[in-house]
Amino acid sequence: MTPGHWIASGGGIGRIPFAPGTWASLAAVLIGALALWIDHRLLVLLALAACIIGTWAIHATREPGDPGWIVIDEFAGQWIAMIALSQVTLYGLLAAFALFRFFDITKLGPVGWADRRHGAFGVMADDVVAGLIVAAILFVATHLFPNVIP
């Protein structure tokens, strides 16, 4: 397995035969929770690195379309969604996970538009847009319900 394939598959998570995107998002939540607990800036760096290195890795695989085993985009989108959380809480993590998976799977609105882009950028774009939408929702939710989702 080349470095590009290893990164694009999320360290091999994308090779899980059932629901690799969901497994990748779950792994991203766990890693992201640790990063958020250590320092919020670390989560931001992880998201940025996943976007940049992930786009390179997707391009390096030379795979046409968006094969299901490429899941680095789920890591990037999930971490972007979690940036709106100010601390690690069960409700916050569950909300970030559930909302991200909802937008990633349904491809509503601008997520669907981004999904129709081509190449490595297109593979990454729908998850980044889904992550941004979820981050906006969570940002509002943390201000409306600070005792539930801090």
N, C-alpha and C. Protein backbone atom coordinates (compact mmCIF):
# COMPACT_ATOMS: atom_id res chain seq x y z
N MET A 1 0.87 -1.18 0.00
CA MET A 1 0.00 0.00 0.00
C MET A 1 0.91 1.24 0.00
N THR A 2 0.66 2.13 -0.93
CA THR A 2 1.46 3.36 -1.01
C THR A 2 1.06 4.32 0.10
N PRO A 3 1.92 5.31 0.41
CA PRO A 3 1.55 6.30 1.43
C PRO A 3 0.24 7.03 1.08
N GLY A 4 0.06 7.33 -0.20
CA GLY A 4 -1.18 7.99 -0.62
C GLY A 4 -2.41 7.15 -0.35
N HIS A 5 -2.32 5.85 -0.66
CA HIS A 5 -3.44 4.95 -0.40
C HIS A 5 -3.70 4.81 1.10
N TRP A 6 -2.62 4.73 1.89
CA TRP A 6 -2.77 4.58 3.33
C TRP A 6 -3.46 5.80 3.94
N ILE A 7 -3.04 6.99 3.52
CA ILE A 7 -3.65 8.22 4.03
C ILE A 7 -5.09 8.33 3.54
N ALA A 8 -5.30 8.11 2.25
CA ALA A 8 -6.66 8.23 1.68
C ALA A 8 -7.63 7.26 2.35
N SER A 9 -7.14 6.10 2.75
CA SER A 9 -8.02 5.10 3.39
C SER A 9 -8.14 5.32 4.89
N GLY A 10 -7.60 6.42 5.39
CA GLY A 10 -7.70 6.70 6.82
C GLY A 10 -6.96 5.67 7.65
N GLY A 11 -5.75 5.31 7.19
CA GLY A 11 -4.97 4.31 7.91
C GLY A 11 -5.54 2.91 7.78
N GLY A 12 -6.31 2.67 6.73
CA GLY A 12 -6.90 1.36 6.49
C GLY A 12 -8.36 1.25 6.89
N ILE A 13 -8.89 2.23 7.59
CA ILE A 13 -10.29 2.19 8.01
C ILE A 13 -11.23 2.10 6.81
N GLY A 14 -10.85 2.73 5.72
CA GLY A 14 -11.68 2.69 4.52
C GLY A 14 -11.82 1.31 3.92
N ARG A 15 -10.98 0.38 4.33
CA ARG A 15 -11.07 -0.99 3.81
C ARG A 15 -12.03 -1.86 4.62
N ILE A 16 -12.63 -1.30 5.68
CA ILE A 16 -13.66 -2.03 6.40
C ILE A 16 -14.82 -2.25 5.44
N PRO A 17 -15.30 -3.49 5.27
CA PRO A 17 -16.29 -3.77 4.23
C PRO A 17 -17.67 -3.17 4.45
N PHE A 18 -18.03 -2.83 5.67
CA PHE A 18 -19.37 -2.32 5.94
C PHE A 18 -19.29 -0.90 6.48
N ALA A 19 -19.91 0.07 5.80
CA ALA A 19 -20.02 1.46 6.24
C ALA A 19 -18.68 2.10 6.58
N PRO A 20 -17.70 2.08 5.66
CA PRO A 20 -16.39 2.64 5.98
C PRO A 20 -16.43 4.13 6.32
N GLY A 21 -17.33 4.89 5.70
CA GLY A 21 -17.44 6.31 6.01
C GLY A 21 -17.90 6.56 7.43
N THR A 22 -18.82 5.75 7.90
CA THR A 22 -19.31 5.88 9.28
C THR A 22 -18.22 5.49 10.26
N TRP A 23 -17.49 4.42 9.97
CA TRP A 23 -16.39 4.01 10.85
C TRP A 23 -15.31 5.09 10.89
N ALA A 24 -15.02 5.69 9.73
CA ALA A 24 -14.02 6.76 9.67
C ALA A 24 -14.48 7.97 10.49
N SER A 25 -15.75 8.33 10.37
CA SER A 25 -16.27 9.45 11.16
C SER A 25 -16.19 9.17 12.65
N LEU A 26 -16.49 7.94 13.03
CA LEU A 26 -16.41 7.56 14.44
C LEU A 26 -14.97 7.65 14.94
N ALA A 27 -14.03 7.14 14.15
CA ALA A 27 -12.61 7.25 14.53
C ALA A 27 -12.20 8.72 14.62
N ALA A 28 -12.68 9.53 13.69
CA ALA A 28 -12.36 10.97 13.71
C ALA A 28 -12.91 11.64 14.96
N VAL A 29 -14.11 11.24 15.39
CA VAL A 29 -14.68 11.81 16.62
C VAL A 29 -13.79 11.47 17.82
N LEU A 30 -13.33 10.24 17.90
CA LEU A 30 -12.49 9.83 19.03
C LEU A 30 -11.15 10.58 19.03
N ILE A 31 -10.52 10.64 17.87
CA ILE A 31 -9.24 11.37 17.77
C ILE A 31 -9.47 12.86 17.99
N GLY A 32 -10.54 13.38 17.40
CA GLY A 32 -10.86 14.80 17.56
C GLY A 32 -11.19 15.17 18.99
N ALA A 33 -11.86 14.27 19.72
CA ALA A 33 -12.17 14.54 21.13
C ALA A 33 -10.89 14.64 21.95
N LEU A 34 -9.94 13.77 21.66
CA LEU A 34 -8.65 13.84 22.36
C LEU A 34 -7.94 15.15 22.03
N ALA A 35 -7.93 15.52 20.75
CA ALA A 35 -7.29 16.77 20.35
C ALA A 35 -7.98 17.97 21.00
N LEU A 36 -9.30 17.96 21.01
CA LEU A 36 -10.06 19.06 21.63
C LEU A 36 -9.79 19.13 23.13
N TRP A 37 -9.68 17.98 23.78
CA TRP A 37 -9.40 17.94 25.21
C TRP A 37 -8.00 18.50 25.50
N ILE A 38 -7.03 18.20 24.62
CA ILE A 38 -5.66 18.70 24.81
C ILE A 38 -5.60 20.20 24.54
N ASP A 39 -6.05 20.61 23.36
CA ASP A 39 -6.01 22.03 22.98
C ASP A 39 -6.85 22.21 21.72
N HIS A 40 -7.78 23.14 21.77
CA HIS A 40 -8.68 23.40 20.63
C HIS A 40 -7.90 23.64 19.34
N ARG A 41 -6.75 24.30 19.44
CA ARG A 41 -5.94 24.60 18.25
C ARG A 41 -5.43 23.33 17.59
N LEU A 42 -5.23 22.28 18.36
CA LEU A 42 -4.79 21.01 17.79
C LEU A 42 -5.86 20.43 16.87
N LEU A 43 -7.11 20.55 17.25
CA LEU A 43 -8.21 20.09 16.40
C LEU A 43 -8.24 20.88 15.09
N VAL A 44 -8.04 22.17 15.18
CA VAL A 44 -8.01 23.02 13.97
C VAL A 44 -6.87 22.57 13.06
N LEU A 45 -5.70 22.30 13.64
CA LEU A 45 -4.55 21.84 12.84
C LEU A 45 -4.82 20.48 12.20
N LEU A 46 -5.46 19.58 12.94
CA LEU A 46 -5.82 18.28 12.37
C LEU A 46 -6.74 18.44 11.17
N ALA A 47 -7.75 19.28 11.30
CA ALA A 47 -8.69 19.50 10.19
C ALA A 47 -7.98 20.08 8.98
N LEU A 48 -7.14 21.06 9.21
CA LEU A 48 -6.40 21.69 8.11
C LEU A 48 -5.46 20.69 7.45
N ALA A 49 -4.74 19.93 8.25
CA ALA A 49 -3.82 18.92 7.71
C ALA A 49 -4.57 17.85 6.93
N ALA A 50 -5.71 17.42 7.43
CA ALA A 50 -6.49 16.40 6.72
C ALA A 50 -6.96 16.92 5.37
N CYS A 51 -7.33 18.18 5.31
CA CYS A 51 -7.76 18.77 4.03
C CYS A 51 -6.62 18.82 3.03
N ILE A 52 -5.47 19.33 3.47
CA ILE A 52 -4.34 19.51 2.56
C ILE A 52 -3.70 18.17 2.19
N ILE A 53 -3.32 17.39 3.19
CA ILE A 53 -2.66 16.12 2.92
C ILE A 53 -3.64 15.13 2.30
N GLY A 54 -4.90 15.20 2.74
CA GLY A 54 -5.92 14.31 2.17
C GLY A 54 -6.16 14.57 0.70
N THR A 55 -6.20 15.82 0.30
CA THR A 55 -6.38 16.15 -1.13
C THR A 55 -5.21 15.59 -1.94
N TRP A 56 -3.99 15.76 -1.42
CA TRP A 56 -2.82 15.19 -2.09
C TRP A 56 -2.96 13.67 -2.20
N ALA A 57 -3.31 13.01 -1.09
CA ALA A 57 -3.40 11.55 -1.06
C ALA A 57 -4.47 11.04 -2.03
N ILE A 58 -5.61 11.70 -2.06
CA ILE A 58 -6.67 11.29 -2.98
C ILE A 58 -6.19 11.41 -4.42
N HIS A 59 -5.52 12.51 -4.73
CA HIS A 59 -4.97 12.69 -6.07
C HIS A 59 -3.93 11.61 -6.38
N ALA A 60 -3.10 11.28 -5.40
CA ALA A 60 -2.02 10.31 -5.60
C ALA A 60 -2.54 8.89 -5.87
N THR A 61 -3.75 8.59 -5.41
CA THR A 61 -4.28 7.24 -5.66
C THR A 61 -4.67 7.03 -7.11
N ARG A 62 -4.92 8.13 -7.81
CA ARG A 62 -5.34 8.10 -9.23
C ARG A 62 -6.60 7.27 -9.47
N GLU A 63 -7.44 7.18 -8.44
CA GLU A 63 -8.71 6.46 -8.54
C GLU A 63 -9.76 7.38 -9.17
N PRO A 64 -10.51 6.89 -10.13
CA PRO A 64 -11.58 7.71 -10.70
C PRO A 64 -12.77 7.80 -9.73
N GLY A 65 -13.45 8.93 -9.76
CA GLY A 65 -14.64 9.10 -8.93
C GLY A 65 -14.31 9.19 -7.46
N ASP A 66 -15.24 8.69 -6.66
CA ASP A 66 -15.10 8.73 -5.20
C ASP A 66 -15.34 7.33 -4.65
N PRO A 67 -14.31 6.45 -4.74
CA PRO A 67 -14.50 5.09 -4.24
C PRO A 67 -14.75 5.09 -2.74
N GLY A 68 -15.55 4.17 -2.27
CA GLY A 68 -15.94 4.13 -0.87
C GLY A 68 -14.80 3.95 0.11
N TRP A 69 -13.69 3.40 -0.34
CA TRP A 69 -12.57 3.16 0.57
C TRP A 69 -11.80 4.44 0.89
N ILE A 70 -11.99 5.49 0.12
CA ILE A 70 -11.34 6.77 0.44
C ILE A 70 -12.18 7.45 1.51
N VAL A 71 -11.58 7.58 2.72
CA VAL A 71 -12.31 8.13 3.86
C VAL A 71 -11.59 9.29 4.55
N ILE A 72 -10.45 9.72 4.02
CA ILE A 72 -9.76 10.84 4.65
C ILE A 72 -10.65 12.09 4.62
N ASP A 73 -11.54 12.16 3.64
CA ASP A 73 -12.47 13.29 3.56
C ASP A 73 -13.46 13.28 4.73
N GLU A 74 -13.83 12.09 5.22
CA GLU A 74 -14.68 12.00 6.41
C GLU A 74 -13.96 12.52 7.64
N PHE A 75 -12.68 12.19 7.76
CA PHE A 75 -11.89 12.72 8.88
C PHE A 75 -11.88 14.25 8.84
N ALA A 76 -11.58 14.81 7.67
CA ALA A 76 -11.50 16.27 7.54
C ALA A 76 -12.84 16.92 7.88
N GLY A 77 -13.91 16.43 7.29
CA GLY A 77 -15.23 17.01 7.53
C GLY A 77 -15.69 16.88 8.96
N GLN A 78 -15.44 15.72 9.56
CA GLN A 78 -15.84 15.51 10.96
C GLN A 78 -15.07 16.45 11.88
N TRP A 79 -13.79 16.62 11.63
CA TRP A 79 -12.99 17.52 12.48
C TRP A 79 -13.41 18.97 12.29
N ILE A 80 -13.76 19.35 11.06
CA ILE A 80 -14.26 20.71 10.83
C ILE A 80 -15.55 20.92 11.62
N ALA A 81 -16.43 19.94 11.59
CA ALA A 81 -17.69 20.04 12.34
C ALA A 81 -17.44 20.22 13.83
N MET A 82 -16.45 19.53 14.36
CA MET A 82 -16.16 19.56 15.80
C MET A 82 -15.50 20.86 16.26
N ILE A 83 -14.98 21.64 15.33
CA ILE A 83 -14.31 22.89 15.70
C ILE A 83 -15.24 23.82 16.47
N ALA A 84 -16.54 23.73 16.23
CA ALA A 84 -17.50 24.59 16.92
C ALA A 84 -17.67 24.23 18.39
N LEU A 85 -17.24 23.04 18.79
CA LEU A 85 -17.37 22.63 20.19
C LEU A 85 -16.27 23.30 21.01
N SER A 86 -16.64 23.82 22.17
CA SER A 86 -15.65 24.48 23.02
C SER A 86 -14.99 23.50 23.99
N GLN A 87 -15.64 22.36 24.21
CA GLN A 87 -15.06 21.34 25.09
C GLN A 87 -15.66 19.98 24.75
N VAL A 88 -15.07 18.94 25.33
CA VAL A 88 -15.53 17.58 25.07
C VAL A 88 -16.70 17.26 25.98
N THR A 89 -17.86 17.00 25.37
CA THR A 89 -19.03 16.51 26.11
C THR A 89 -19.68 15.42 25.26
N LEU A 90 -20.36 14.51 25.91
CA LEU A 90 -21.02 13.43 25.19
C LEU A 90 -22.05 13.97 24.20
N TYR A 91 -22.89 14.93 24.65
CA TYR A 91 -23.91 15.48 23.76
C TYR A 91 -23.30 16.22 22.57
N GLY A 92 -22.24 16.95 22.82
CA GLY A 92 -21.58 17.67 21.74
C GLY A 92 -20.99 16.72 20.71
N LEU A 93 -20.32 15.68 21.18
CA LEU A 93 -19.73 14.71 20.26
C LEU A 93 -20.78 13.95 19.49
N LEU A 94 -21.86 13.55 20.17
CA LEU A 94 -22.96 12.85 19.49
C LEU A 94 -23.62 13.75 18.45
N ALA A 95 -23.84 15.01 18.80
CA ALA A 95 -24.46 15.94 17.85
C ALA A 95 -23.56 16.15 16.64
N ALA A 96 -22.27 16.34 16.87
CA ALA A 96 -21.33 16.54 15.76
C ALA A 96 -21.30 15.32 14.84
N PHE A 97 -21.26 14.14 15.44
CA PHE A 97 -21.23 12.89 14.66
C PHE A 97 -22.52 12.70 13.87
N ALA A 98 -23.65 12.78 14.54
CA ALA A 98 -24.94 12.52 13.90
C ALA A 98 -25.25 13.55 12.80
N LEU A 99 -25.01 14.81 13.09
CA LEU A 99 -25.29 15.84 12.08
C LEU A 99 -24.35 15.71 10.89
N PHE A 100 -23.08 15.45 11.13
CA PHE A 100 -22.15 15.30 10.01
C PHE A 100 -22.54 14.12 9.14
N ARG A 101 -22.84 12.99 9.74
CA ARG A 101 -23.24 11.82 8.94
C ARG A 101 -24.52 12.11 8.16
N PHE A 102 -25.47 12.82 8.79
CA PHE A 102 -26.72 13.17 8.10
C PHE A 102 -26.44 13.97 6.84
N PHE A 103 -25.67 15.05 6.96
CA PHE A 103 -25.40 15.89 5.79
C PHE A 103 -24.51 15.18 4.78
N ASP A 104 -23.57 14.37 5.23
CA ASP A 104 -22.70 13.65 4.31
C ASP A 104 -23.47 12.61 3.52
N ILE A 105 -24.41 11.95 4.15
CA ILE A 105 -25.17 10.89 3.47
C ILE A 105 -26.26 11.48 2.57
N THR A 106 -27.00 12.48 3.06
CA THR A 106 -28.13 13.02 2.29
C THR A 106 -27.70 13.97 1.19
N LYS A 107 -26.55 14.61 1.34
CA LYS A 107 -26.03 15.56 0.34
C LYS A 107 -27.01 16.70 0.08
N LEU A 108 -27.61 17.21 1.15
CA LEU A 108 -28.56 18.30 1.02
C LEU A 108 -27.88 19.61 0.61
N GLY A 109 -28.56 20.38 -0.22
CA GLY A 109 -28.14 21.73 -0.58
C GLY A 109 -26.74 21.82 -1.12
N PRO A 110 -25.92 22.69 -0.52
CA PRO A 110 -24.57 22.91 -1.04
C PRO A 110 -23.67 21.69 -0.92
N VAL A 111 -24.01 20.74 -0.07
CA VAL A 111 -23.21 19.51 0.04
C VAL A 111 -23.34 18.72 -1.27
N GLY A 112 -24.54 18.67 -1.82
CA GLY A 112 -24.76 17.99 -3.09
C GLY A 112 -24.04 18.69 -4.24
N TRP A 113 -24.06 20.02 -4.21
CA TRP A 113 -23.34 20.77 -5.24
C TRP A 113 -21.85 20.44 -5.18
N ALA A 114 -21.28 20.46 -3.97
CA ALA A 114 -19.87 20.17 -3.79
C ALA A 114 -19.54 18.74 -4.21
N ASP A 115 -20.46 17.83 -3.98
CA ASP A 115 -20.25 16.42 -4.33
C ASP A 115 -20.14 16.22 -5.83
N ARG A 116 -20.68 17.12 -6.60
CA ARG A 116 -20.64 17.00 -8.06
C ARG A 116 -19.36 17.57 -8.67
N ARG A 117 -18.44 18.10 -7.85
CA ARG A 117 -17.14 18.58 -8.35
C ARG A 117 -16.30 17.36 -8.70
N HIS A 118 -15.28 17.56 -9.48
CA HIS A 118 -14.47 16.44 -9.97
C HIS A 118 -13.08 16.41 -9.34
N GLY A 119 -12.43 15.26 -9.45
CA GLY A 119 -11.07 15.10 -8.98
C GLY A 119 -10.97 15.05 -7.47
N ALA A 120 -9.73 15.16 -6.99
CA ALA A 120 -9.47 15.08 -5.56
C ALA A 120 -10.19 16.19 -4.81
N PHE A 121 -10.25 17.37 -5.42
CA PHE A 121 -10.98 18.48 -4.78
C PHE A 121 -12.44 18.10 -4.57
N GLY A 122 -13.05 17.51 -5.57
CA GLY A 122 -14.46 17.13 -5.47
C GLY A 122 -14.71 16.08 -4.42
N VAL A 123 -13.79 15.11 -4.29
CA VAL A 123 -13.95 14.07 -3.28
C VAL A 123 -13.95 14.70 -1.89
N MET A 124 -13.06 15.67 -1.69
CA MET A 124 -12.92 16.32 -0.38
C MET A 124 -14.02 17.35 -0.14
N ALA A 125 -14.48 18.02 -1.19
CA ALA A 125 -15.35 19.20 -1.06
C ALA A 125 -16.67 18.93 -0.34
N ASP A 126 -17.36 17.84 -0.65
CA ASP A 126 -18.67 17.63 -0.04
C ASP A 126 -18.55 17.44 1.47
N ASP A 127 -17.49 16.78 1.92
CA ASP A 127 -17.31 16.57 3.36
C ASP A 127 -16.89 17.86 4.07
N VAL A 128 -16.09 18.67 3.40
CA VAL A 128 -15.71 19.97 3.97
C VAL A 128 -16.95 20.85 4.11
N VAL A 129 -17.77 20.89 3.08
CA VAL A 129 -19.00 21.70 3.14
C VAL A 129 -19.94 21.17 4.21
N ALA A 130 -20.10 19.84 4.29
CA ALA A 130 -20.94 19.26 5.35
C ALA A 130 -20.39 19.63 6.72
N GLY A 131 -19.08 19.56 6.89
CA GLY A 131 -18.46 19.94 8.15
C GLY A 131 -18.70 21.39 8.50
N LEU A 132 -18.61 22.27 7.51
CA LEU A 132 -18.84 23.70 7.75
C LEU A 132 -20.29 23.97 8.16
N ILE A 133 -21.23 23.29 7.51
CA ILE A 133 -22.64 23.45 7.86
C ILE A 133 -22.89 22.97 9.29
N VAL A 134 -22.35 21.82 9.63
CA VAL A 134 -22.54 21.29 10.98
C VAL A 134 -21.86 22.20 12.01
N ALA A 135 -20.68 22.71 11.69
CA ALA A 135 -20.01 23.63 12.61
C ALA A 135 -20.87 24.86 12.86
N ALA A 136 -21.52 25.38 11.82
CA ALA A 136 -22.40 26.54 12.00
C ALA A 136 -23.59 26.19 12.88
N ILE A 137 -24.18 25.02 12.64
CA ILE A 137 -25.32 24.58 13.47
C ILE A 137 -24.89 24.42 14.92
N LEU A 138 -23.75 23.77 15.13
CA LEU A 138 -23.26 23.56 16.50
C LEU A 138 -22.87 24.87 17.17
N PHE A 139 -22.34 25.80 16.41
CA PHE A 139 -21.99 27.11 16.96
C PHE A 139 -23.24 27.79 17.52
N VAL A 140 -24.32 27.77 16.75
CA VAL A 140 -25.58 28.36 17.21
C VAL A 140 -26.12 27.58 18.41
N ALA A 141 -26.07 26.24 18.32
CA ALA A 141 -26.59 25.40 19.41
C ALA A 141 -25.83 25.61 20.71
N THR A 142 -24.51 25.80 20.62
CA THR A 142 -23.74 26.00 21.84
C THR A 142 -24.07 27.33 22.51
N HIS A 143 -24.54 28.29 21.72
CA HIS A 143 -24.94 29.58 22.31
C HIS A 143 -26.38 29.56 22.79
N LEU A 144 -27.23 28.78 22.14
CA LEU A 144 -28.63 28.68 22.59
C LEU A 144 -28.78 27.73 23.78
N PHE A 145 -27.97 26.68 23.81
CA PHE A 145 -28.07 25.65 24.86
C PHE A 145 -26.69 25.40 25.50
N PRO A 146 -26.08 26.41 26.14
CA PRO A 146 -24.72 26.26 26.65
C PRO A 146 -24.56 25.20 27.74
N ASN A 147 -25.62 24.84 28.41
CA ASN A 147 -25.53 23.82 29.46
C ASN A 147 -25.62 22.40 28.88
N VAL A 148 -26.08 22.29 27.64
CA VAL A 148 -26.23 20.98 27.01
C VAL A 148 -25.05 20.70 26.09
N ILE A 149 -24.75 21.65 25.22
CA ILE A 149 -23.66 21.50 24.26
C ILE A 149 -22.68 22.66 24.44
N PRO A 150 -21.78 22.56 25.42
CA PRO A 150 -20.83 23.66 25.65
C PRO A 150 -19.74 23.73 24.60
